[in-house]
Structure formats: C-alpha cells, structure tokens
C-alpha cells in the first residue's frame, strides 16, 4: 500500500486526515443509527465497512463513505414497516442492484438527473429529519408520517412547556445546535476539533456535571449488534412494497454517492472519479452491510470535504478512518452509552438544515421558476408521501417540464393568389402542443381549400401525426411534404 505514495509526506498527511475524518464520522455514525431506529453500533459498523472495504476499492480516491443522514427517514420507515431483521436483506438487495448498475455502465446516467430534483430530495429529507428529531430532542415519541410530524408540533411545544424532563432534554439539544452554529466563528486553532465532536462532547460533559437525568444512547456491544438476515427476512422482500424499498435504497444511495463524487472532484486536482467503478464499490459496501444487518452506506460529502480539507492525498486516509472506528468500538464501547440522545438529535437537526438549499432558492426562482417549482414539488411530495414516491414525482415533473420547454410549435397561415390557405407548421410537434395546434386548425374557414406544409418541422410525434392525418381526412385537404417531416 505504501508504494502508491509519491513522497513520504503523503503518509503523514493521510494519517492526520484520517483522524479528522474519524472525529467527524463518530458522532454522525451513532446519531444516524439512533435516528433510524436501530442500535447505535450498527452505524459504527456501516462506517467501518465504508472505510475498510469501500476505501480500498477503485472509483473515487478521496471521498469517504458511511451512514448518511439523507437515508435516515427511509431507513426508519423500512424498519417500522418490515422490521429490523429485514433491514439487512433490503440493504443487501440494494447493494446487488448497485453492483449490477455499475457493471452495466449506468453510473454516468445518474449525472443526468436534474439538480432541482436532487435539491428537492435533499430538502424533503432535511425537513422530515428536522421535524422528527425535534421530538427526539424533547424525549417525545415522534409521529410516523411527515405530515403528522408537522401537525404535532403544537403538542410538542406543549410538552416542552409543561414537562421539566422534556424541557431539560430539549435544552441539551438546542445547546448542541448552538455550539455547531457558533463553532465556525472560533479561532482556526479551536476549529481543529470537528464541530460535531465538540458539540456532543460538551453536551455529554454538561449533563454529567449537572447531574441531569436525560435519555442516553443504549449500548449492547459491536458483535451482539450484528444480526445477519435469515431466510424469513429475505422472504419478506417478496411484497411489492419491500421491492420498492430496495429500489429506493439503491437509487437514492447511488445518486447521493455519485453527486457527492462530482462535488469532491471539484475540490481537488487529483484523479477524477470513475463513476461506474464508484457505483460498484458502493454496491459492494452495501452488500456487506446487508450481510451484517447494518445500515446502508453512501458517500458522504461532509466527511469527504473534511478529508480533503485536512490534506488527504491517497485512499489511505479513508481506510485508516475505518480502522480508528474499529479501535474505538472495541476499546471504548462504554463511551457511546454516556452520550445524551438529545445531543445526537441536535447534530442531526443541524445536518438536516444543511440539506436544505436555502441560498440557491432565491436565484433559482428568479432565473428558472420551473426548476424551483420542481424542487418545491419534490420536497413537498417526500414530506406528504415517502422518499421513493417523492423522488419519482420529481423526476416525472422534470421530464414533463423539459418536454414542454423543448416542444415549441408555430403555425403560420397565409393565403395564395388562387385563394388557397397554406398552413406552415414549424418547430417540434408533440402531444403537449396538440390543443394549440387543433385550435388554430379548427378556426380556419370551412369553405376555403387548405394545405398543410410540414417541411419545416424538426420533430413530429405519433400523436400529432395521427391527429393531422385525421383532420386532413375530415377536411378533405392535403398534407404537403409529409414524408420529409
């Protein structure tokens, strides 16, 4: 492995970078697992696989994989619907789908998804994550659906106002968020400690010193948390809903990973990502996570950017971060059990806020209102239905919008010297423009001979062709240059 280094300084930089990534990943691995409704250790297992397995595979050099906040909502729904045992089967199936997509060369196609859908997906995930974790911050059971989470906010406020336990827990979470927001304003030397680690550590220390009785992370041990899926778990994938969940895991994890790869490539001057190989690497990682009954993994932009900013040069940094997670889980497992749940919820509320593209909304609305509407519709659909249906709706709206914008048609009517009307149709005639085309044709005088000229059309779909033929037949007129269209 050391032979890949161009100079000895790379080793020192990668080791230091791996420590930074480990400190960033540790609270996020635990927090994502708890928010997903699974044992905290499963988040660490996924982070370990992301480092030791995916880190060794070809694809991207510097991006780091692990459990992602973006999949928290979907995982929580899957665990509630199918059970914790079936989670491994779902993740394994999603991993195999990713491997197949990468082997077939579909990796680059994920780059064709419109940014509006991606931002809408992230915004929807972020909002559901925020609303859900607000309940966890107050030690109140959160409702199942996104709509119920929003509708229940007045009740949540009442609980915080009337219950001292809820108020104390919520204060811990709110203080954690405040540390995360203010940390970036501290001197550069202080910021050498990652903000999530500092916020969780301070919250843990404060609750211990003050003697506050707040819910903490339950620890059961790394090995005991591993629950490989059995035959009954794989049998549960036979339903249409379960298969839809597998596809949703695969598509969303793939899209998040490859979009992250595109962002990471813009952050450094090294080798570019091979998207198909990266997709297969993510698939292998998820296949192994599924075998272990752990959370799904994706490439995570927060850890990846921390890796680059810390000076990483090779894959060794992301591999070592997985090793540090192993050592922590093996040597200091009790340290997880002292972390307040409210602190982890605060970290995830902050992460959810960062998923919402607030800065891009106003410029997008001014320049591309159609894209802004697709973004809003995707986010709203995710909140009101679920992740998979919301993303599908967003993609459908984006396709319809694109088809509408590219389907421009112009009908020009002019009269010849012998009294005939020549209707020249230019542009792209698709079914989306049928109403306008028929309105123009049906408004022509019925006592005048008419000829349709289609020689200037760039595209004529089947619906328009059939409609024009029927209209010409009923009118008893001719269609000129039809074959050339």
Protein backbone atom coordinates (compact mmCIF):
# COMPACT_ATOMS: atom_id res chain seq x y z
CA UNK A 1 0.00 0.00 0.00
CA UNK A 2 2.81 2.38 0.88
CA UNK A 3 4.23 2.01 -2.61
CA UNK A 4 1.45 4.16 -4.03
CA UNK A 5 2.75 7.25 -2.23
CA UNK A 6 4.65 9.73 -4.35
CA UNK A 7 6.55 11.09 -1.35
CA UNK A 8 6.85 10.27 2.38
CA UNK A 9 4.93 13.43 3.33
CA UNK A 10 1.78 11.81 1.93
CA UNK A 11 1.81 9.24 4.74
CA UNK A 12 1.83 11.90 7.46
CA UNK A 13 -0.91 13.93 5.76
CA UNK A 14 -3.14 10.89 5.25
CA UNK A 15 -2.78 9.75 8.85
CA UNK A 16 -3.67 13.20 10.16
CA UNK A 17 -6.58 13.48 7.72
CA UNK A 18 -7.88 10.07 8.77
CA UNK A 19 -8.01 11.20 12.39
CA UNK A 20 -10.02 14.29 11.44
CA UNK A 21 -12.46 12.22 9.38
CA UNK A 22 -12.79 9.72 12.25
CA UNK A 23 -13.70 12.50 14.67
CA UNK A 24 -16.27 13.88 12.23
CA UNK A 25 -17.71 10.45 11.44
CA UNK A 26 -18.01 9.13 15.00
CA UNK A 27 -20.96 11.25 16.25
CA UNK A 28 -22.66 11.09 12.85
CA UNK A 29 -22.47 7.28 12.68
CA UNK A 30 -24.05 6.97 16.11
CA UNK A 31 -26.59 9.74 15.52
CA UNK A 32 -27.80 8.41 12.17
CA UNK A 33 -28.24 4.94 13.66
CA UNK A 34 -30.26 6.18 16.63
CA UNK A 35 -32.42 8.39 14.40
CA UNK A 36 -33.02 5.42 12.10
CA UNK A 37 -34.44 3.38 14.97
CA UNK A 38 -31.61 0.82 15.11
CA UNK A 39 -28.84 0.10 17.65
CA UNK A 40 -26.09 2.72 17.69
CA UNK A 41 -23.44 0.09 16.93
CA UNK A 42 -24.94 -0.57 13.50
CA UNK A 43 -23.98 2.96 12.47
CA UNK A 44 -20.39 2.28 13.50
CA UNK A 45 -20.39 -0.99 11.56
CA UNK A 46 -21.52 0.82 8.43
CA UNK A 47 -18.81 3.44 8.94
CA UNK A 48 -16.22 0.69 9.37
CA UNK A 49 -17.31 -1.01 6.15
CA UNK A 50 -17.25 2.35 4.37
CA UNK A 51 -13.65 2.84 5.45
CA UNK A 52 -12.05 -0.59 5.34
CA UNK A 53 -13.97 -2.04 2.36
CA UNK A 54 -15.15 0.79 0.12
CA UNK A 55 -11.99 2.73 0.94
CA UNK A 56 -9.87 0.03 -0.70
CA UNK A 57 -11.95 -0.26 -3.88
CA UNK A 58 -11.47 1.72 -7.11
CA UNK A 59 -13.71 4.62 -8.01
CA UNK A 60 -13.13 7.85 -6.12
CA UNK A 61 -9.84 8.45 -4.33
CA UNK A 62 -10.77 10.88 -1.58
CA UNK A 63 -14.49 10.67 -0.86
CA UNK A 64 -15.48 8.86 2.34
CA UNK A 65 -18.46 6.52 2.77
CA UNK A 66 -20.63 5.72 5.76
CA UNK A 67 -24.20 6.03 7.06
CA UNK A 68 -25.83 9.19 5.73
CA UNK A 69 -28.40 11.50 7.24
CA UNK A 70 -30.11 11.58 3.84
CA UNK A 71 -31.24 7.97 4.19
CA UNK A 72 -32.35 8.23 7.81
CA UNK A 73 -36.02 8.77 7.01
CA UNK A 74 -36.15 5.92 4.52
CA UNK A 75 -34.37 3.51 6.87
CA UNK A 76 -36.68 4.45 9.74
CA UNK A 77 -39.73 3.78 7.56
CA UNK A 78 -38.29 0.45 6.38
CA UNK A 79 -37.56 -0.69 9.95
CA UNK A 80 -41.07 0.29 11.06
CA UNK A 81 -42.74 -1.48 8.13
CA UNK A 82 -40.56 -4.56 7.65
CA UNK A 83 -38.75 -4.95 10.97
CA UNK A 84 -35.10 -4.65 11.96
CA UNK A 85 -34.30 -8.17 10.75
CA UNK A 86 -35.40 -7.39 7.21
CA UNK A 87 -33.24 -4.27 7.05
CA UNK A 88 -30.16 -6.35 6.24
CA UNK A 89 -32.00 -8.11 3.39
CA UNK A 90 -33.14 -4.76 1.96
CA UNK A 91 -29.64 -3.26 2.14
CA UNK A 92 -28.09 -6.39 0.63
CA UNK A 93 -30.57 -6.33 -2.24
CA UNK A 94 -29.89 -2.63 -2.83
CA UNK A 95 -26.16 -3.33 -2.89
CA UNK A 96 -26.55 -6.04 -5.53
CA UNK A 97 -28.65 -3.64 -7.63
CA UNK A 98 -25.88 -1.04 -7.37
CA UNK A 99 -23.22 -3.55 -8.42
CA UNK A 100 -25.31 -4.57 -11.43
CA UNK A 101 -25.96 -0.94 -12.42
CA UNK A 102 -22.26 -0.15 -12.23
CA UNK A 103 -21.26 -3.27 -14.19
CA UNK A 104 -23.75 -2.35 -16.92
CA UNK A 105 -22.36 1.17 -17.19
CA UNK A 106 -25.29 3.04 -15.66
CA UNK A 107 -23.09 5.05 -13.33
CA UNK A 108 -22.76 8.03 -15.62
CA UNK A 109 -26.53 8.19 -16.18
CA UNK A 110 -27.06 9.33 -12.60
CA UNK A 111 -25.36 12.57 -13.61
CA UNK A 112 -28.32 13.30 -15.90
CA UNK A 113 -30.77 13.80 -13.02
CA UNK A 114 -31.74 17.44 -12.82
CA UNK A 115 -30.28 19.42 -9.95
CA UNK A 116 -33.78 20.61 -9.00
CA UNK A 117 -34.84 17.04 -8.18
CA UNK A 118 -31.66 16.42 -6.19
CA UNK A 119 -32.07 19.63 -4.20
CA UNK A 120 -35.76 18.87 -3.73
CA UNK A 121 -34.92 15.38 -2.49
CA UNK A 122 -32.37 16.74 -0.04
CA UNK A 123 -34.73 19.48 1.11
CA UNK A 124 -37.54 16.99 1.70
CA UNK A 125 -35.22 14.66 3.58
CA UNK A 126 -33.86 17.55 5.59
CA UNK A 127 -37.30 18.82 6.61
CA UNK A 128 -38.57 15.39 7.65
CA UNK A 129 -35.32 14.82 9.55
CA UNK A 130 -35.61 18.17 11.34
CA UNK A 131 -39.24 17.72 12.31
CA UNK A 132 -38.62 14.16 13.52
CA UNK A 133 -35.51 14.95 15.55
CA UNK A 134 -37.22 17.86 17.30
CA UNK A 135 -39.34 15.23 19.04
CA UNK A 136 -36.24 13.21 19.95
CA UNK A 137 -34.62 16.34 21.38
CA UNK A 138 -37.54 16.63 23.80
CA UNK A 139 -37.71 12.88 24.55
CA UNK A 140 -41.18 12.70 22.95
CA UNK A 141 -42.20 9.86 20.65
CA UNK A 142 -42.31 11.17 17.09
CA UNK A 143 -45.24 10.51 14.74
CA UNK A 144 -44.75 8.23 11.76
CA UNK A 145 -45.55 10.40 8.74
CA UNK A 146 -44.09 13.75 7.75
CA UNK A 147 -47.49 15.42 7.84
CA UNK A 148 -48.16 14.09 11.35
CA UNK A 149 -44.76 15.35 12.49
CA UNK A 150 -45.68 18.86 11.35
CA UNK A 151 -49.23 18.68 12.70
CA UNK A 152 -47.93 17.50 16.06
CA UNK A 153 -45.61 20.45 16.62
CA UNK A 154 -48.12 22.38 18.80
CA UNK A 155 -48.42 19.31 21.04
CA UNK A 156 -44.62 19.08 21.16
CA UNK A 157 -44.38 22.72 22.25
CA UNK A 158 -46.93 21.99 24.98
CA UNK A 159 -44.91 19.02 26.21
CA UNK A 160 -41.74 21.10 26.40
CA UNK A 161 -43.55 23.87 28.24
CA UNK A 162 -45.23 21.62 30.82
CA UNK A 163 -42.69 18.83 31.39
CA UNK A 164 -39.40 19.56 33.14
CA UNK A 165 -37.85 16.39 31.67
CA UNK A 166 -38.79 17.37 28.13
CA UNK A 167 -37.54 20.91 28.70
CA UNK A 168 -34.18 19.72 30.04
CA UNK A 169 -33.64 17.30 27.15
CA UNK A 170 -34.67 19.92 24.59
CA UNK A 171 -32.30 22.45 26.15
CA UNK A 172 -29.42 19.97 25.74
CA UNK A 173 -30.29 19.52 22.07
CA UNK A 174 -30.70 23.25 21.49
CA UNK A 175 -27.33 23.94 23.15
CA UNK A 176 -25.75 21.33 20.88
CA UNK A 177 -27.12 23.12 17.82
CA UNK A 178 -25.84 26.45 19.17
CA UNK A 179 -22.32 25.02 19.52
CA UNK A 180 -22.45 23.67 15.96
CA UNK A 181 -23.52 27.07 14.60
CA UNK A 182 -21.04 29.12 16.61
CA UNK A 183 -18.06 26.77 16.30
CA UNK A 184 -17.08 28.07 12.87
CA UNK A 185 -16.70 31.57 14.36
CA UNK A 186 -13.99 30.46 16.77
CA UNK A 187 -10.26 30.85 16.01
CA UNK A 188 -8.79 28.43 13.49
CA UNK A 189 -6.85 26.59 16.18
CA UNK A 190 -10.05 25.72 18.05
CA UNK A 191 -11.66 24.52 14.84
CA UNK A 192 -9.07 21.78 14.55
CA UNK A 193 -11.55 19.83 16.67
CA UNK A 194 -14.54 18.93 14.42
CA UNK A 195 -17.71 20.78 15.40
CA UNK A 196 -19.95 17.66 15.75
CA UNK A 197 -17.46 16.01 18.10
CA UNK A 198 -17.04 19.18 20.15
CA UNK A 199 -20.79 19.75 20.42
CA UNK A 200 -21.55 16.18 21.51
CA UNK A 201 -18.61 16.12 23.94
CA UNK A 202 -19.65 19.41 25.55
CA UNK A 203 -23.27 18.28 25.85
CA UNK A 204 -22.18 14.98 27.40
CA UNK A 205 -19.88 16.72 29.87
CA UNK A 206 -22.50 19.31 30.79
CA UNK A 207 -25.19 16.73 31.55
CA UNK A 208 -22.73 14.67 33.60
CA UNK A 209 -21.52 17.63 35.67
CA UNK A 210 -25.04 19.00 36.20
CA UNK A 211 -26.39 15.55 37.02
CA UNK A 212 -29.30 15.93 34.58
CA UNK A 213 -31.37 12.83 34.02
CA UNK A 214 -31.74 12.68 30.24
CA UNK A 215 -32.09 9.65 27.92
CA UNK A 216 -28.77 8.33 26.69
CA UNK A 217 -27.63 6.01 23.91
CA UNK A 218 -28.21 2.34 24.67
CA UNK A 219 -25.16 0.17 24.13
CA UNK A 220 -25.22 -3.57 23.53
CA UNK A 221 -21.78 -4.26 22.06
CA UNK A 222 -20.50 -4.33 18.49
CA UNK A 223 -20.66 -8.08 17.92
CA UNK A 224 -24.03 -8.55 19.58
CA UNK A 225 -25.49 -5.83 17.35
CA UNK A 226 -24.65 -7.80 14.20
CA UNK A 227 -27.80 -9.57 13.05
CA UNK A 228 -27.34 -11.20 9.61
CA UNK A 229 -30.66 -11.57 7.75
CA UNK A 230 -32.23 -15.01 7.70
CA UNK A 231 -34.48 -16.86 5.31
CA UNK A 232 -37.64 -15.26 6.66
CA UNK A 233 -36.12 -11.81 6.19
CA UNK A 234 -35.37 -12.49 2.53
CA UNK A 235 -38.86 -13.95 2.10
CA UNK A 236 -40.31 -10.64 3.29
CA UNK A 237 -38.86 -8.99 0.19
CA UNK A 238 -41.49 -10.70 -1.94
CA UNK A 239 -44.01 -7.91 -1.46
CA UNK A 240 -44.22 -5.02 -3.88
CA UNK A 241 -43.65 -2.51 -1.08
CA UNK A 242 -40.45 -4.26 0.02
CA UNK A 243 -39.12 -4.41 -3.55
CA UNK A 244 -39.90 -0.72 -3.92
CA UNK A 245 -37.88 -0.06 -0.78
CA UNK A 246 -34.92 -1.99 -2.22
CA UNK A 247 -35.07 0.06 -5.42
CA UNK A 248 -35.43 3.28 -3.44
CA UNK A 249 -32.37 2.43 -1.32
CA UNK A 250 -30.33 1.60 -4.41
CA UNK A 251 -31.31 4.66 -6.45
CA UNK A 252 -31.09 7.22 -3.68
CA UNK A 253 -27.83 5.86 -2.26
CA UNK A 254 -26.35 5.76 -5.77
CA UNK A 255 -27.48 9.27 -6.63
CA UNK A 256 -26.18 10.71 -3.35
CA UNK A 257 -22.84 8.93 -3.77
CA UNK A 258 -22.30 10.00 -7.36
CA UNK A 259 -23.42 13.57 -6.79
CA UNK A 260 -21.00 13.64 -3.87
CA UNK A 261 -18.27 12.32 -6.18
CA UNK A 262 -18.93 15.14 -8.63
CA UNK A 263 -18.63 17.68 -5.81
CA UNK A 264 -15.48 16.05 -4.45
CA UNK A 265 -13.84 16.10 -7.89
CA UNK A 266 -14.25 19.88 -7.91
CA UNK A 267 -12.44 20.16 -4.56
CA UNK A 268 -9.11 18.65 -5.56
CA UNK A 269 -6.73 18.35 -8.51
CA UNK A 270 -6.13 14.60 -8.31
CA UNK A 271 -7.56 11.73 -10.30
CA UNK A 272 -11.19 12.04 -11.35
CA UNK A 273 -13.84 9.59 -10.24
CA UNK A 274 -14.74 6.60 -12.40
CA UNK A 275 -18.49 6.67 -11.85
CA UNK A 276 -19.20 3.07 -12.79
CA UNK A 277 -16.41 1.75 -10.55
CA UNK A 278 -17.55 4.01 -7.72
CA UNK A 279 -21.11 2.75 -8.10
CA UNK A 280 -19.88 -0.84 -7.93
CA UNK A 281 -17.73 -0.03 -4.88
CA UNK A 282 -20.75 1.44 -3.10
CA UNK A 283 -22.72 -1.66 -4.09
CA UNK A 284 -20.10 -3.99 -2.64
CA UNK A 285 -20.11 -1.97 0.57
CA UNK A 286 -23.89 -2.13 0.87
CA UNK A 287 -23.87 -5.85 0.11
CA UNK A 288 -21.52 -6.43 3.04
CA UNK A 289 -23.52 -4.06 5.27
CA UNK A 290 -26.62 -6.06 4.37
CA UNK A 291 -24.90 -9.32 5.31
CA UNK A 292 -24.11 -7.80 8.71
CA UNK A 293 -27.61 -6.39 9.18
CA UNK A 294 -26.21 -2.85 9.30
CA UNK A 295 -27.33 0.50 7.87
CA UNK A 296 -26.93 1.33 4.18
CA UNK A 297 -23.93 3.43 3.26
CA UNK A 298 -23.34 6.20 0.78
CA UNK A 299 -20.52 8.57 0.04
CA UNK A 300 -20.96 11.47 2.47
CA UNK A 301 -19.98 14.96 1.39
CA UNK A 302 -19.39 16.17 4.99
CA UNK A 303 -16.73 13.53 5.67
CA UNK A 304 -15.33 13.76 2.16
CA UNK A 305 -14.83 17.53 2.33
CA UNK A 306 -13.26 17.16 5.80
CA UNK A 307 -10.90 14.58 4.32
CA UNK A 308 -9.78 16.90 1.53
CA UNK A 309 -9.53 19.99 3.73
CA UNK A 310 -7.39 18.02 6.18
CA UNK A 311 -4.84 17.42 3.43
CA UNK A 312 -5.51 13.82 2.37
CA UNK A 313 -3.58 12.66 -0.67
CA UNK A 314 -4.47 8.99 -1.15
CA UNK A 315 -7.03 6.35 -0.23
CA UNK A 316 -5.11 5.56 2.94
CA UNK A 317 -6.85 8.35 4.85
CA UNK A 318 -10.32 6.91 4.36
CA UNK A 319 -9.10 3.37 5.07
CA UNK A 320 -7.48 4.45 8.33
CA UNK A 321 -10.61 6.30 9.44
CA UNK A 322 -12.37 2.92 9.33
CA UNK A 323 -9.59 1.41 11.43
CA UNK A 324 -9.96 4.13 14.07
CA UNK A 325 -13.70 3.37 14.22
CA UNK A 326 -12.90 -0.31 14.83
CA UNK A 327 -10.48 0.53 17.63
CA UNK A 328 -12.94 2.93 19.26
CA UNK A 329 -15.78 0.40 19.13
CA UNK A 330 -13.51 -2.33 20.53
CA UNK A 331 -11.67 -0.35 23.23
CA UNK A 332 -14.17 2.32 24.31
CA UNK A 333 -17.67 0.94 23.73
CA UNK A 334 -18.94 2.35 27.03
CA UNK A 335 -18.17 5.87 25.82
CA UNK A 336 -21.16 5.65 23.49
CA UNK A 337 -23.51 4.94 26.37
CA UNK A 338 -22.88 8.29 28.08
CA UNK A 339 -23.95 10.38 25.08
CA UNK A 340 -27.34 12.12 25.51
CA UNK A 341 -29.82 11.28 22.77
CA UNK A 342 -30.82 14.94 22.66
CA UNK A 343 -27.26 15.90 21.68
CA UNK A 344 -27.25 13.48 18.75
CA UNK A 345 -30.70 14.73 17.75
CA UNK A 346 -29.30 18.26 17.76
CA UNK A 347 -26.46 17.18 15.45
CA UNK A 348 -29.00 15.70 13.04
CA UNK A 349 -31.27 18.75 13.17
CA UNK A 350 -28.24 20.82 12.19
CA UNK A 351 -27.39 18.30 9.44
CA UNK A 352 -30.99 18.45 8.22
CA UNK A 353 -30.81 22.25 7.98
CA UNK A 354 -27.68 21.94 5.84
CA UNK A 355 -29.56 19.66 3.44
CA UNK A 356 -31.99 22.46 2.58
CA UNK A 357 -30.51 24.59 -0.26
CA UNK A 358 -31.63 27.92 1.18
CA UNK A 359 -29.02 30.01 -0.65
CA UNK A 360 -29.96 28.55 -4.03
CA UNK A 361 -33.72 29.10 -3.74
CA UNK A 362 -33.93 32.83 -4.50
CA UNK A 363 -31.54 32.81 -7.52
CA UNK A 364 -33.27 29.69 -8.83
CA UNK A 365 -36.70 31.31 -8.55
CA UNK A 366 -35.50 34.40 -10.38
CA UNK A 367 -33.77 32.59 -13.23
CA UNK A 368 -35.61 29.26 -13.56
CA UNK A 369 -39.02 29.27 -11.92
CA UNK A 370 -39.93 25.94 -13.46
CA UNK A 371 -36.92 24.33 -11.79
CA UNK A 372 -37.85 25.96 -8.49
CA UNK A 373 -41.37 24.51 -8.75
CA UNK A 374 -39.94 21.04 -9.43
CA UNK A 375 -37.74 21.42 -6.34
CA UNK A 376 -40.67 22.50 -4.18
CA UNK A 377 -42.95 19.76 -5.53
CA UNK A 378 -40.32 17.07 -4.88
CA UNK A 379 -39.73 18.23 -1.31
CA UNK A 380 -43.47 18.50 -0.61
CA UNK A 381 -44.15 15.06 -2.04
CA UNK A 382 -41.45 13.50 0.14
CA UNK A 383 -42.97 15.10 3.24
CA UNK A 384 -46.54 14.10 2.39
CA UNK A 385 -45.89 10.59 0.96
CA UNK A 386 -42.48 8.97 1.21
CA UNK A 387 -38.98 9.20 -0.21
CA UNK A 388 -39.41 6.91 -3.20
CA UNK A 389 -42.71 8.34 -4.42
CA UNK A 390 -41.48 11.89 -3.88
CA UNK A 391 -38.35 11.37 -5.98
CA UNK A 392 -40.30 9.62 -8.73
CA UNK A 393 -42.77 12.51 -8.85
CA UNK A 394 -39.90 14.97 -9.04
CA UNK A 395 -38.28 13.13 -11.94
CA UNK A 396 -41.63 12.89 -13.74
CA UNK A 397 -42.26 16.61 -13.33
CA UNK A 398 -38.74 17.39 -14.55
CA UNK A 399 -39.28 15.27 -17.67
CA UNK A 400 -42.65 16.88 -18.39
CA UNK A 401 -41.17 20.35 -17.86
CA UNK A 402 -38.29 19.58 -20.20
CA UNK A 403 -40.64 18.16 -22.84
CA UNK A 404 -42.89 21.21 -22.59
CA UNK A 405 -40.00 23.66 -22.90
CA UNK A 406 -38.46 21.89 -25.90
CA UNK A 407 -41.80 21.40 -27.64
CA UNK A 408 -42.16 24.76 -29.39
CA UNK A 409 -44.53 24.97 -32.31
CA UNK A 410 -45.58 27.83 -34.58
CA UNK A 411 -48.42 27.80 -37.12
CA UNK A 412 -48.30 30.41 -39.89
CA UNK A 413 -51.37 30.83 -42.12
CA UNK A 414 -51.08 32.71 -45.40
CA UNK A 415 -53.26 32.95 -48.49
CA UNK A 416 -52.08 32.27 -52.04
CA UNK A 417 -53.18 34.19 -55.12
CA UNK A 418 -55.62 31.44 -56.10
CA UNK A 419 -57.40 31.62 -52.68
CA UNK A 420 -55.84 28.61 -51.00
CA UNK A 421 -54.73 28.73 -47.36
CA UNK A 422 -51.23 27.39 -46.68
CA UNK A 423 -50.64 26.42 -43.05
CA UNK A 424 -46.92 26.11 -42.36
CA UNK A 425 -46.04 24.35 -39.10
CA UNK A 426 -42.55 24.82 -37.69
CA UNK A 427 -40.78 23.65 -34.53
CA UNK A 428 -41.39 20.39 -32.66
CA UNK A 429 -44.91 18.97 -32.78
CA UNK A 430 -45.58 16.81 -29.73
CA UNK A 431 -48.77 15.78 -27.95
CA UNK A 432 -48.17 18.58 -25.43
CA UNK A 433 -48.93 21.14 -28.17
CA UNK A 434 -51.99 19.38 -29.60
CA UNK A 435 -54.56 21.75 -28.02
CA UNK A 436 -52.97 24.84 -29.54
CA UNK A 437 -52.48 23.19 -32.93
CA UNK A 438 -56.09 21.97 -33.12
CA UNK A 439 -57.47 25.33 -32.01
CA UNK A 440 -55.67 27.04 -34.88
CA UNK A 441 -56.70 24.46 -37.47
CA UNK A 442 -60.34 24.32 -36.36
CA UNK A 443 -60.57 28.12 -36.55
CA UNK A 444 -59.82 28.09 -40.30
CA UNK A 445 -62.73 28.96 -42.61
CA UNK A 446 -64.59 25.81 -43.67
CA UNK A 447 -65.19 27.00 -47.24
CA UNK A 448 -61.55 27.52 -48.20
CA UNK A 449 -59.11 24.92 -49.53
CA UNK A 450 -56.28 24.30 -47.09
CA UNK A 451 -52.84 22.73 -47.47
CA UNK A 452 -50.59 21.74 -44.56
CA UNK A 453 -46.86 22.30 -45.04
CA UNK A 454 -44.77 20.24 -42.60
CA UNK A 455 -41.41 20.67 -44.30
CA UNK A 456 -40.08 22.95 -41.56
CA UNK A 457 -40.91 20.64 -38.66
CA UNK A 458 -37.93 19.33 -36.68
CA UNK A 459 -39.96 16.62 -34.95
CA UNK A 460 -43.42 15.11 -35.38
CA UNK A 461 -44.53 12.54 -32.83
CA UNK A 462 -47.09 9.79 -33.43
CA UNK A 463 -49.92 11.60 -31.66
CA UNK A 464 -49.55 14.73 -33.76
CA UNK A 465 -49.08 12.78 -36.98
CA UNK A 466 -52.27 10.80 -36.38
CA UNK A 467 -54.21 13.91 -35.41
CA UNK A 468 -53.10 15.80 -38.52
CA UNK A 469 -53.98 12.86 -40.77
CA UNK A 470 -57.45 12.61 -39.24
CA UNK A 471 -58.04 16.33 -39.52
CA UNK A 472 -56.87 16.39 -43.14
CA UNK A 473 -59.10 13.41 -43.97
CA UNK A 474 -62.16 15.04 -42.39
CA UNK A 475 -61.41 18.36 -44.05
CA UNK A 476 -60.69 16.75 -47.41
CA UNK A 477 -57.39 18.57 -47.72
CA UNK A 478 -53.79 17.62 -48.42
CA UNK A 479 -50.63 17.46 -46.36
CA UNK A 480 -47.58 18.68 -48.18
CA UNK A 481 -44.01 17.46 -47.59
CA UNK A 482 -45.32 14.90 -45.09
CA UNK A 483 -42.58 12.35 -45.74
CA UNK A 484 -39.86 14.87 -45.07
CA UNK A 485 -41.17 15.72 -41.58
